[in-house]
Amino acid sequence: MTGERSTVADTDDRTQWWNEHAAGRPRPRFARRWPLAGTVFYLAGAVPVGQRLDPLLIVLLVAYGLCYVTFPYFLLSHRRMRVRLPFALLMLVLGWAVLLQGASIYMLLYATLAIAMSMPAGWVLVFDGAAVAGCGLLLLVHNDVRGTPSDIGTVVGITTAMFFMGRLAQTVRRLRRANEEIAALAVSAERERLARDLHDILGHSLTTIAVKAGLARRLIETASDEERAVTEIREVEALARSALTDVRATVSEYREVSLSAELVGARAALRAAEVDAELPSAVDNVRPELQSAFGYVLREAVTNVLRHSGASRVKVRLGRNWLEISDNGRGTEPAAAGNGLRGLAERLAQLGGTLQVRARPGEGFQLRAEVPAAKPVEVS
């Protein structure tokens, strides 16, 4: 496997060496300002002083200048290599054409700099290396070329410096884009957490409130036990206040679910719904780091029993690293996992655990959460 990963990494490096995309389009401010700035830079060095300009040289200078002013839109944006390569080659051809018309060797800098700042490293070596080597060969063949070997060294030095500046600028653009993606992912993750926690909290609390309110209404309508009806209404009020507190704490990320507290709440909710509950009396045998996650599982399971199952009996069993809830309800398989079960699966996955849901038509529904036992630490 290590060899395969190394091969893939080497392949990616070779691909980036020849086919690396420029990191993003020019920023809007740069795109607005570059035509003017590029024109000023070009005119400052490209307009010959004290030299007679023939029509061909004027045409070449104008075409070369247009390429220099527009190169960010062809070489720095997300263009395919079939667009970028011809444009880079066109710039070099125009630069050489201007050079052969009697211009200085420094005129090649406009093409070599644009290529060095925006093209993949392999093509920079090919294009700029060929341009510099051609200048050296031209100096050997023609003594009347406007330039010296030291001028070629200067061109190489400036081009190399701009090559690394271009890589630095691309790295900054990639980091900026990565930060934007990280921020977007963080917002999405926070929304998912908030939706999951609110579902877990409000789903159970509102279901219990509905059950207790229904019981109180029936007691009042039948006038069978007014004292118990008042008690149930008081508990509804307390549950509503508790749910409001839980929502505020969840939004602030301060709420911590307790398995023991969830057992007490489950016993009260099931009793109000007149469901026989066989619940453990203590949670000491459950690993401490799993009690919060198992509390969410128990809360969601009891909520589903009250909402959907129509069960008359519920049994909860606990182990050191597992929790199982079963009922004798309808036992129909849900068409698709809802937000509650999906949120529980995500919580358990963070602990390396799994959530198993099994419907038994005519026999009830079973929910089992299990986390692999911790491996014992070997002492040498």
Protein backbone atom coordinates (compact mmCIF):
# COMPACT_ATOMS: atom_id res chain seq x y z
CA MET A 1 0.00 0.00 0.00
CA THR A 2 2.83 2.38 0.77
CA GLY A 3 4.33 1.72 -2.66
CA GLU A 4 0.98 2.42 -4.32
CA ARG A 5 0.61 5.72 -2.48
CA SER A 6 4.14 6.72 -3.44
CA THR A 7 3.41 5.93 -7.09
CA VAL A 8 0.21 8.00 -7.02
CA ALA A 9 2.05 10.90 -5.36
CA ASP A 10 4.84 10.76 -7.95
CA THR A 11 2.28 10.74 -10.76
CA ASP A 12 0.51 13.77 -9.26
CA ASP A 13 3.82 15.63 -8.95
CA ARG A 14 4.63 14.95 -12.60
CA THR A 15 1.16 16.07 -13.65
CA GLN A 16 1.48 19.34 -11.74
CA TRP A 17 4.96 19.85 -13.21
CA TRP A 18 3.46 20.04 -16.71
CA ASN A 19 -0.24 20.69 -16.26
CA GLU A 20 -0.63 22.72 -13.09
CA HIS A 21 -3.61 25.04 -13.09
CA ALA A 22 -3.04 28.63 -12.08
CA ALA A 23 -4.58 29.11 -8.64
CA GLY A 24 -7.69 31.11 -9.42
CA ARG A 25 -8.74 33.97 -11.63
CA PRO A 26 -7.27 37.45 -11.19
CA ARG A 27 -8.92 39.32 -8.34
CA PRO A 28 -11.47 41.93 -9.53
CA ARG A 29 -9.34 44.85 -8.30
CA PHE A 30 -6.27 43.50 -10.11
CA ALA A 31 -8.32 42.83 -13.25
CA ARG A 32 -9.50 46.46 -13.28
CA ARG A 33 -6.10 48.01 -12.62
CA TRP A 34 -3.75 45.76 -14.59
CA PRO A 35 -4.54 47.07 -18.14
CA LEU A 36 -3.50 50.59 -17.13
CA ALA A 37 -0.52 49.47 -15.04
CA GLY A 38 0.62 46.98 -17.69
CA THR A 39 0.40 49.65 -20.38
CA VAL A 40 2.55 52.03 -18.30
CA PHE A 41 5.16 49.31 -17.62
CA TYR A 42 5.26 48.34 -21.28
CA LEU A 43 5.53 51.86 -22.66
CA ALA A 44 8.28 52.71 -20.16
CA GLY A 45 10.62 50.11 -21.65
CA ALA A 46 9.31 49.22 -25.09
CA VAL A 47 9.18 52.58 -26.86
CA PRO A 48 12.57 53.07 -28.59
CA VAL A 49 14.19 56.46 -28.00
CA GLY A 50 16.12 58.02 -30.88
CA GLN A 51 15.35 55.14 -33.27
CA ARG A 52 13.43 55.32 -36.49
CA LEU A 53 10.35 53.11 -36.34
CA ASP A 54 9.29 51.29 -39.47
CA PRO A 55 5.68 50.10 -39.88
CA LEU A 56 6.54 46.43 -39.23
CA LEU A 57 8.20 47.24 -35.89
CA ILE A 58 5.23 49.36 -34.85
CA VAL A 59 2.82 46.52 -35.60
CA LEU A 60 4.99 44.03 -33.70
CA LEU A 61 5.32 46.36 -30.68
CA VAL A 62 1.56 46.92 -30.56
CA ALA A 63 0.79 43.18 -30.82
CA TYR A 64 3.44 42.35 -28.21
CA GLY A 65 2.05 45.01 -25.89
CA LEU A 66 -1.49 43.71 -26.26
CA CYS A 67 -0.30 40.23 -25.26
CA TYR A 68 1.52 41.64 -22.23
CA VAL A 69 -1.50 43.68 -21.09
CA THR A 70 -3.92 40.73 -21.48
CA PHE A 71 -1.74 37.83 -20.30
CA PRO A 72 -3.42 37.57 -16.83
CA TYR A 73 -6.73 36.77 -18.53
CA PHE A 74 -5.21 33.95 -20.59
CA LEU A 75 -2.47 32.55 -18.34
CA LEU A 76 -3.63 33.26 -14.76
CA SER A 77 -7.27 32.27 -15.12
CA HIS A 78 -8.59 28.71 -15.21
CA ARG A 79 -7.83 28.15 -18.86
CA ARG A 80 -7.02 24.78 -20.38
CA MET A 81 -3.48 24.12 -21.52
CA ARG A 82 -4.62 24.16 -25.13
CA VAL A 83 -5.32 27.88 -24.64
CA ARG A 84 -2.40 28.76 -22.37
CA LEU A 85 0.34 27.07 -24.42
CA PRO A 86 -0.45 28.81 -27.74
CA PHE A 87 -0.72 32.18 -25.99
CA ALA A 88 2.66 31.72 -24.27
CA LEU A 89 4.22 30.63 -27.56
CA LEU A 90 2.70 33.66 -29.31
CA MET A 91 4.23 36.00 -26.74
CA LEU A 92 7.67 34.48 -27.23
CA VAL A 93 7.40 34.64 -31.03
CA LEU A 94 6.40 38.30 -30.90
CA GLY A 95 9.20 39.05 -28.44
CA TRP A 96 11.74 37.42 -30.70
CA ALA A 97 10.31 39.22 -33.72
CA VAL A 98 10.74 42.55 -31.94
CA LEU A 99 14.26 41.55 -30.89
CA LEU A 100 15.22 40.69 -34.48
CA GLN A 101 14.02 44.12 -35.60
CA GLY A 102 16.83 45.70 -33.59
CA ALA A 103 15.28 45.99 -30.12
CA SER A 104 17.19 45.29 -26.89
CA ILE A 105 17.46 41.82 -25.37
CA TYR A 106 15.52 43.20 -22.41
CA MET A 107 12.39 43.26 -24.58
CA LEU A 108 12.17 39.50 -24.04
CA LEU A 109 11.53 40.13 -20.35
CA TYR A 110 7.86 40.94 -20.99
CA ALA A 111 7.30 37.43 -22.37
CA THR A 112 9.61 35.52 -20.00
CA LEU A 113 8.16 37.22 -16.92
CA ALA A 114 4.56 36.54 -17.95
CA ILE A 115 5.39 32.88 -18.61
CA ALA A 116 7.44 32.49 -15.41
CA MET A 117 4.65 33.88 -13.21
CA SER A 118 1.79 31.87 -14.64
CA MET A 119 2.81 28.68 -16.47
CA PRO A 120 3.62 25.25 -14.98
CA ALA A 121 7.27 24.81 -14.01
CA GLY A 122 8.04 22.37 -16.81
CA TRP A 123 6.79 24.72 -19.51
CA VAL A 124 8.60 27.65 -17.89
CA LEU A 125 11.88 25.77 -18.30
CA VAL A 126 11.06 24.89 -21.90
CA PHE A 127 9.86 28.32 -23.06
CA ASP A 128 12.09 30.63 -21.05
CA GLY A 129 15.07 28.29 -21.33
CA ALA A 130 14.73 28.23 -25.11
CA ALA A 131 14.37 32.02 -25.20
CA VAL A 132 17.53 32.59 -23.12
CA ALA A 133 19.51 29.96 -25.03
CA GLY A 134 18.40 31.56 -28.27
CA CYS A 135 19.64 34.94 -27.06
CA GLY A 136 23.04 33.46 -26.31
CA LEU A 137 23.21 31.83 -29.72
CA LEU A 138 22.14 35.10 -31.36
CA LEU A 139 24.97 36.97 -29.65
CA LEU A 140 27.47 34.46 -31.01
CA VAL A 141 26.14 34.68 -34.57
CA HIS A 142 25.35 38.41 -34.86
CA ASN A 143 27.66 40.96 -33.31
CA ASP A 144 25.21 43.80 -33.97
CA VAL A 145 22.60 42.51 -31.48
CA ARG A 146 21.72 45.10 -28.85
CA GLY A 147 22.88 43.19 -25.79
CA THR A 148 25.76 41.52 -23.98
CA PRO A 149 26.22 38.24 -22.09
CA SER A 150 25.74 40.19 -18.85
CA ASP A 151 22.35 41.37 -20.15
CA ILE A 152 21.37 37.73 -20.65
CA GLY A 153 22.42 37.03 -17.06
CA THR A 154 20.24 39.90 -15.92
CA VAL A 155 17.27 38.54 -17.87
CA VAL A 156 17.80 35.10 -16.31
CA GLY A 157 18.05 36.56 -12.81
CA ILE A 158 14.93 38.72 -13.09
CA THR A 159 12.94 35.89 -14.68
CA THR A 160 13.99 33.45 -11.94
CA ALA A 161 12.98 35.92 -9.22
CA MET A 162 9.59 36.45 -10.82
CA PHE A 163 9.14 32.70 -11.18
CA PHE A 164 9.35 32.28 -7.40
CA MET A 165 7.21 35.34 -6.82
CA GLY A 166 4.58 33.84 -9.08
CA ARG A 167 4.64 30.58 -7.09
CA LEU A 168 4.30 32.56 -3.88
CA ALA A 169 1.32 34.45 -5.28
CA GLN A 170 -0.30 31.17 -6.38
CA THR A 171 0.27 29.70 -2.91
CA VAL A 172 -1.39 32.73 -1.32
CA ARG A 173 -4.38 32.38 -3.67
CA ARG A 174 -4.67 28.67 -2.86
CA LEU A 175 -4.52 29.36 0.87
CA ARG A 176 -7.15 32.07 0.53
CA ARG A 177 -9.42 29.72 -1.37
CA ALA A 178 -8.77 26.92 1.14
CA ASN A 179 -9.67 29.25 4.02
CA GLU A 180 -12.93 30.14 2.28
CA GLU A 181 -13.74 26.44 1.83
CA ILE A 182 -12.84 25.67 5.45
CA ALA A 183 -15.09 28.50 6.64
CA ALA A 184 -17.96 27.20 4.51
CA LEU A 185 -17.44 23.64 5.82
CA ALA A 186 -17.33 24.93 9.41
CA VAL A 187 -20.64 26.75 8.92
CA SER A 188 -22.19 23.63 7.38
CA ALA A 189 -20.91 21.41 10.21
CA GLU A 190 -22.25 23.83 12.82
CA ARG A 191 -25.65 23.87 11.14
CA GLU A 192 -25.73 20.07 11.10
CA ARG A 193 -24.73 19.92 14.77
CA LEU A 194 -27.37 22.44 15.76
CA ALA A 195 -30.08 20.69 13.72
CA ARG A 196 -29.14 17.32 15.18
CA ASP A 197 -29.03 18.56 18.78
CA LEU A 198 -32.28 20.50 18.49
CA HIS A 199 -33.97 17.44 16.98
CA ASP A 200 -32.70 15.22 19.79
CA ILE A 201 -33.77 17.68 22.48
CA LEU A 202 -37.02 19.12 21.19
CA GLY A 203 -38.24 15.88 19.62
CA HIS A 204 -38.22 14.06 22.94
CA SER A 205 -39.38 17.00 25.07
CA LEU A 206 -42.28 17.95 22.79
CA THR A 207 -43.37 14.32 22.45
CA THR A 208 -43.43 13.94 26.23
CA ILE A 209 -45.29 17.22 26.60
CA ALA A 210 -47.89 16.07 24.06
CA VAL A 211 -48.36 12.75 25.85
CA LYS A 212 -48.71 14.36 29.28
CA ALA A 213 -51.02 17.10 27.98
CA GLY A 214 -53.23 14.44 26.36
CA LEU A 215 -53.36 12.48 29.61
CA ALA A 216 -54.26 15.61 31.59
CA ARG A 217 -57.00 16.47 29.07
CA ARG A 218 -58.54 13.00 29.39
CA LEU A 219 -58.41 13.18 33.17
CA ILE A 220 -60.10 16.58 33.17
CA GLU A 221 -62.76 15.52 30.65
CA THR A 222 -63.66 12.41 32.64
CA ALA A 223 -63.20 14.14 36.02
CA SER A 224 -61.76 10.87 37.24
CA ASP A 225 -58.62 12.21 38.94
CA GLU A 226 -58.36 16.00 39.02
CA GLU A 227 -55.37 15.95 41.36
CA ARG A 228 -53.35 13.81 38.95
CA ALA A 229 -54.43 16.05 36.04
CA VAL A 230 -53.06 19.09 37.88
CA THR A 231 -49.83 17.17 38.54
CA GLU A 232 -49.48 16.29 34.87
CA ILE A 233 -50.07 19.92 33.83
CA ARG A 234 -47.40 21.07 36.26
CA GLU A 235 -45.00 18.52 34.78
CA VAL A 236 -45.84 19.79 31.28
CA GLU A 237 -44.96 23.31 32.42
CA ALA A 238 -41.68 22.07 33.94
CA LEU A 239 -40.85 20.14 30.78
CA ALA A 240 -41.48 23.21 28.62
CA ARG A 241 -39.18 25.31 30.79
CA SER A 242 -36.55 22.56 30.75
CA ALA A 243 -36.75 22.27 26.95
CA LEU A 244 -36.29 26.04 26.63
CA THR A 245 -33.22 25.86 28.87
CA ASP A 246 -31.85 22.94 26.85
CA VAL A 247 -32.29 24.83 23.58
CA ARG A 248 -30.44 27.84 24.93
CA ALA A 249 -27.64 25.65 26.27
CA THR A 250 -27.40 23.71 23.00
CA VAL A 251 -27.05 26.89 20.98
CA SER A 252 -24.23 27.88 23.34
CA GLU A 253 -22.70 24.36 23.17
CA TYR A 254 -22.87 23.97 26.94
CA ARG A 255 -25.40 21.16 27.22
CA GLU A 256 -24.21 17.69 28.16
CA VAL A 257 -26.66 14.78 28.05
CA SER A 258 -26.58 12.38 30.99
CA LEU A 259 -27.61 8.74 30.59
CA SER A 260 -28.90 8.54 34.16
CA ALA A 261 -31.04 11.67 33.65
CA GLU A 262 -32.37 10.27 30.39
CA LEU A 263 -33.41 7.08 32.18
CA VAL A 264 -35.41 9.14 34.69
CA GLY A 265 -37.02 11.13 31.87
CA ALA A 266 -37.80 7.96 29.90
CA ARG A 267 -39.46 6.37 32.94
CA ALA A 268 -41.68 9.44 33.43
CA ALA A 269 -42.59 9.73 29.72
CA LEU A 270 -43.42 6.04 29.35
CA ARG A 271 -45.46 6.03 32.55
CA ALA A 272 -47.48 9.01 31.29
CA ALA A 273 -48.12 7.14 28.01
CA GLU A 274 -49.18 4.06 30.04
CA VAL A 275 -46.37 1.97 28.58
CA ASP A 276 -44.84 -0.69 30.81
CA ALA A 277 -41.10 -0.03 31.02
CA GLU A 278 -38.36 -2.40 32.12
CA LEU A 279 -35.44 -0.06 32.73
CA PRO A 280 -32.10 -0.58 34.46
CA SER A 281 -31.81 1.00 37.88
CA ALA A 282 -28.23 2.23 37.43
CA VAL A 283 -25.75 3.07 34.67
CA ASP A 284 -22.52 2.39 36.56
CA ASN A 285 -21.62 -0.51 34.29
CA VAL A 286 -21.48 1.74 31.18
CA ARG A 287 -18.13 3.24 30.23
CA PRO A 288 -18.12 6.92 31.30
CA GLU A 289 -17.09 8.23 27.87
CA LEU A 290 -20.11 6.46 26.28
CA GLN A 291 -22.81 7.66 28.66
CA SER A 292 -23.52 10.92 26.82
CA ALA A 293 -23.86 9.21 23.41
CA PHE A 294 -26.00 6.42 24.90
CA GLY A 295 -28.16 9.11 26.53
CA TYR A 296 -28.95 10.50 23.08
CA VAL A 297 -29.71 6.98 21.82
CA LEU A 298 -32.11 6.30 24.69
CA ARG A 299 -33.82 9.66 24.20
CA GLU A 300 -34.39 9.09 20.49
CA ALA A 301 -35.54 5.49 20.99
CA VAL A 302 -38.12 6.46 23.62
CA THR A 303 -39.34 9.32 21.41
CA ASN A 304 -39.86 6.89 18.52
CA VAL A 305 -41.70 4.46 20.80
CA LEU A 306 -44.11 7.20 21.89
CA ARG A 307 -44.60 8.55 18.37
CA HIS A 308 -44.70 5.58 16.06
CA SER A 309 -44.62 2.14 17.64
CA GLY A 310 -47.95 1.82 19.44
CA ALA A 311 -46.11 -0.43 21.91
CA SER A 312 -47.39 -1.36 25.36
CA ARG A 313 -44.08 -2.64 26.71
CA VAL A 314 -40.47 -1.39 26.38
CA LYS A 315 -37.30 -3.05 27.59
CA VAL A 316 -33.94 -1.32 27.96
CA ARG A 317 -30.73 -3.20 28.57
CA LEU A 318 -27.25 -1.81 29.19
CA GLY A 319 -23.75 -3.20 28.89
CA ARG A 320 -20.31 -1.74 29.31
CA ASN A 321 -20.12 -0.73 25.66
CA TRP A 322 -23.64 -1.34 24.32
CA LEU A 323 -27.24 -0.25 24.74
CA GLU A 324 -30.32 -2.07 23.47
CA ILE A 325 -33.94 -0.89 23.39
CA SER A 326 -36.76 -3.17 22.23
CA ASP A 327 -40.55 -2.90 22.23
CA ASN A 328 -43.57 -4.98 21.30
CA GLY A 329 -45.05 -2.47 18.87
CA ARG A 330 -45.91 -2.75 15.20
CA GLY A 331 -42.31 -3.39 14.20
CA THR A 332 -42.56 -1.79 10.76
CA GLU A 333 -39.30 -0.89 9.02
CA PRO A 334 -39.01 2.87 8.32
CA ALA A 335 -38.87 3.72 4.62
CA ALA A 336 -35.77 5.84 5.18
CA ALA A 337 -33.71 6.79 8.19
CA GLY A 338 -34.94 10.05 9.63
CA ASN A 339 -32.88 12.88 11.06
CA GLY A 340 -32.91 11.29 14.49
CA LEU A 341 -31.50 7.91 13.53
CA ARG A 342 -29.05 9.51 11.10
CA GLY A 343 -27.84 11.86 13.84
CA LEU A 344 -27.38 8.93 16.25
CA ALA A 345 -25.38 7.03 13.66
CA GLU A 346 -23.11 10.06 13.20
CA ARG A 347 -22.57 10.41 16.95
CA LEU A 348 -21.67 6.75 17.33
CA ALA A 349 -19.43 6.83 14.26
CA GLN A 350 -17.36 9.52 15.96
CA LEU A 351 -16.71 6.99 18.73
CA GLY A 352 -16.06 4.15 16.29
CA GLY A 353 -19.42 2.55 17.06
CA THR A 354 -22.42 1.40 15.06
CA LEU A 355 -26.19 1.69 15.24
CA GLN A 356 -28.27 -1.38 14.36
CA VAL A 357 -31.98 -1.07 13.68
CA ARG A 358 -34.10 -4.20 13.32
CA ALA A 359 -37.81 -4.36 12.67
CA ARG A 360 -39.64 -7.52 13.63
CA PRO A 361 -43.15 -7.42 12.13
CA GLY A 362 -45.65 -8.51 14.73
CA GLU A 363 -42.95 -8.69 17.41
CA GLY A 364 -41.74 -5.12 17.73
CA PHE A 365 -38.75 -2.94 17.03
CA GLN A 366 -35.18 -3.19 18.30
CA LEU A 367 -32.44 -0.55 18.41
CA ARG A 368 -28.90 -1.46 19.42
CA ALA A 369 -25.95 0.89 19.81
CA GLU A 370 -22.52 -0.65 20.29
CA VAL A 371 -18.98 0.68 20.49
CA PRO A 372 -16.01 -1.69 20.22
CA ALA A 373 -14.40 -2.46 23.54
CA ALA A 374 -11.22 -0.55 24.28
CA LYS A 375 -8.08 -2.57 23.61
CA PRO A 376 -6.06 -3.34 26.72
CA VAL A 377 -2.77 -1.50 26.98
CA GLU A 378 0.18 -3.87 26.73
CA VAL A 379 2.82 -3.34 29.39
CA SER A 380 6.29 -4.41 28.33
